[in-house]
Protein backbone atom coordinates (compact mmCIF):
# COMPACT_ATOMS: atom_id res chain seq x y z
CA UNK A 1 -6.81 -5.38 28.07
CA UNK A 2 -3.39 -4.33 29.29
CA UNK A 3 -0.45 -6.54 28.25
CA UNK A 4 1.92 -7.08 31.18
CA UNK A 5 5.27 -8.84 31.06
CA UNK A 6 5.82 -10.85 34.24
CA UNK A 7 9.39 -11.42 35.36
CA UNK A 8 10.52 -14.53 37.23
CA UNK A 9 10.50 -12.79 40.60
CA UNK A 10 6.76 -12.15 40.11
CA UNK A 11 6.00 -15.71 38.98
CA UNK A 12 8.12 -17.41 41.67
CA UNK A 13 6.10 -16.64 44.83
CA UNK A 14 2.90 -18.68 44.62
CA UNK A 15 0.73 -16.03 46.27
CA UNK A 16 1.81 -13.32 43.85
CA UNK A 17 1.63 -15.60 40.81
CA UNK A 18 -1.87 -16.72 41.83
CA UNK A 19 -3.11 -13.15 42.33
CA UNK A 20 -1.83 -11.90 39.00
CA UNK A 21 -3.01 -14.93 37.05
CA UNK A 22 -6.49 -14.55 38.56
CA UNK A 23 -6.53 -11.06 37.03
CA UNK A 24 -5.65 -12.68 33.72
CA UNK A 25 -8.40 -15.28 34.09
CA UNK A 26 -10.85 -12.41 34.64
CA UNK A 27 -9.59 -10.81 31.39
CA UNK A 28 -8.30 -7.75 33.23
CA UNK A 29 -4.73 -8.24 32.02
CA UNK A 30 -2.91 -10.31 29.43
CA UNK A 31 0.18 -11.88 30.98
CA UNK A 32 3.35 -12.10 28.92
CA UNK A 33 6.57 -14.00 29.52
CA UNK A 34 9.41 -15.46 27.51
CA UNK A 35 11.07 -18.85 27.30
CA UNK A 36 14.01 -17.33 29.22
CA UNK A 37 11.70 -16.18 32.01
CA UNK A 38 10.02 -19.59 32.26
CA UNK A 39 13.41 -21.35 32.20
CA UNK A 40 14.63 -19.11 35.02
CA UNK A 41 11.42 -19.82 36.96
CA UNK A 42 11.92 -23.56 36.49
CA UNK A 43 15.58 -23.35 37.51
CA UNK A 44 14.80 -21.34 40.65
CA UNK A 45 11.92 -23.57 41.70
CA UNK A 46 13.95 -26.74 41.14
CA UNK A 47 16.90 -25.34 43.11
CA UNK A 48 14.66 -24.35 46.02
CA UNK A 49 15.01 -27.78 47.65
CA UNK A 50 18.47 -28.78 46.53
CA UNK A 51 17.36 -29.92 43.07
CA UNK A 52 15.16 -32.68 44.50
CA UNK A 53 13.74 -34.66 41.53
CA UNK A 54 10.19 -34.35 42.91
CA UNK A 55 10.50 -30.57 43.09
CA UNK A 56 11.89 -30.51 39.55
CA UNK A 57 8.82 -32.46 38.37
CA UNK A 58 6.56 -29.96 40.13
CA UNK A 59 8.42 -27.13 38.39
CA UNK A 60 7.97 -28.94 35.04
CA UNK A 61 4.26 -29.22 35.73
CA UNK A 62 3.89 -25.56 36.69
CA UNK A 63 5.68 -24.32 33.56
CA UNK A 64 3.57 -26.66 31.43
CA UNK A 65 0.37 -25.34 33.05
CA UNK A 66 1.44 -21.74 32.46
CA UNK A 67 2.16 -22.47 28.79
CA UNK A 68 -1.11 -24.36 28.27
CA UNK A 69 -3.43 -22.05 30.19
CA UNK A 70 -2.01 -18.88 28.66
CA UNK A 71 -0.88 -19.84 25.14
CA UNK A 72 -0.81 -16.21 23.97
CA UNK A 73 1.55 -15.17 26.76
CA UNK A 74 4.77 -16.33 25.09
CA UNK A 75 6.89 -13.51 23.66
CA UNK A 76 9.33 -14.57 20.95
CA UNK A 77 11.72 -12.83 18.59
CA UNK A 78 13.42 -10.57 21.13
CA UNK A 79 16.93 -12.08 21.06
CA UNK A 80 18.27 -9.41 18.69
CA UNK A 81 17.23 -6.70 21.17
CA UNK A 82 18.98 -8.13 24.23
CA UNK A 83 22.45 -6.74 23.49
CA UNK A 84 21.00 -3.29 22.82
CA UNK A 85 19.45 -2.98 26.27
CA UNK A 86 21.33 -0.77 28.75
CA UNK A 87 19.93 -2.10 31.99
CA UNK A 88 21.59 -4.71 34.22
CA UNK A 89 22.96 -7.56 32.07
CA UNK A 90 20.95 -10.23 33.95
CA UNK A 91 17.71 -8.36 33.22
CA UNK A 92 18.30 -7.42 29.60
CA UNK A 93 16.34 -10.39 28.30
CA UNK A 94 13.34 -9.21 30.34
CA UNK A 95 13.39 -5.68 28.98
CA UNK A 96 13.94 -6.95 25.44
CA UNK A 97 10.98 -9.33 25.76
CA UNK A 98 8.83 -6.52 27.18
CA UNK A 99 9.64 -4.30 24.20
CA UNK A 100 9.07 -7.10 21.70
CA UNK A 101 5.77 -7.99 23.38
CA UNK A 102 4.57 -4.40 23.00
CA UNK A 103 3.51 -4.58 26.61
CA UNK A 104 1.76 -1.86 28.56
CA UNK A 105 4.15 -2.42 31.45
CA UNK A 106 6.50 -4.94 33.00
CA UNK A 107 6.01 -6.23 36.53
CA UNK A 108 9.13 -6.85 38.57
CA UNK A 109 9.69 -6.63 42.30
CA UNK A 110 13.38 -5.79 41.80
CA UNK A 111 13.29 -2.61 39.67
CA UNK A 112 16.94 -1.73 40.24
CA UNK A 113 17.83 -4.11 37.40
CA UNK A 114 15.99 -1.90 34.94
CA UNK A 115 17.87 1.34 35.38
CA UNK A 116 20.17 2.33 32.58
CA UNK A 117 23.80 3.07 33.54
CA UNK A 118 23.08 6.80 33.23
CA UNK A 119 20.39 6.54 35.95
CA UNK A 120 22.32 4.55 38.55
């Protein structure tokens, strides 16, 4: 089974999240994410409607479901790698988590954040 790190921009849209997680339920992929990715997902979902408390509760519930349904998805121990990454500073935590998770690939719909300065 291929290990795939999912960035926030992949988990945020419900249709894309649902499609990819159905692949995981069918044991075709193993999703990976980090606490930073889930925190960013929560923050973006909560901010979607002006930080409405009901929306924040829905975001809490979604993150809890992701953690509970896919307990092996959490990548930890990547913090020491973040500063060594050469891609866009906002995406360094994603690349570091992908490397720590020994993933087969990372899924992101905004790949420009993953180019090193030499490739820009």
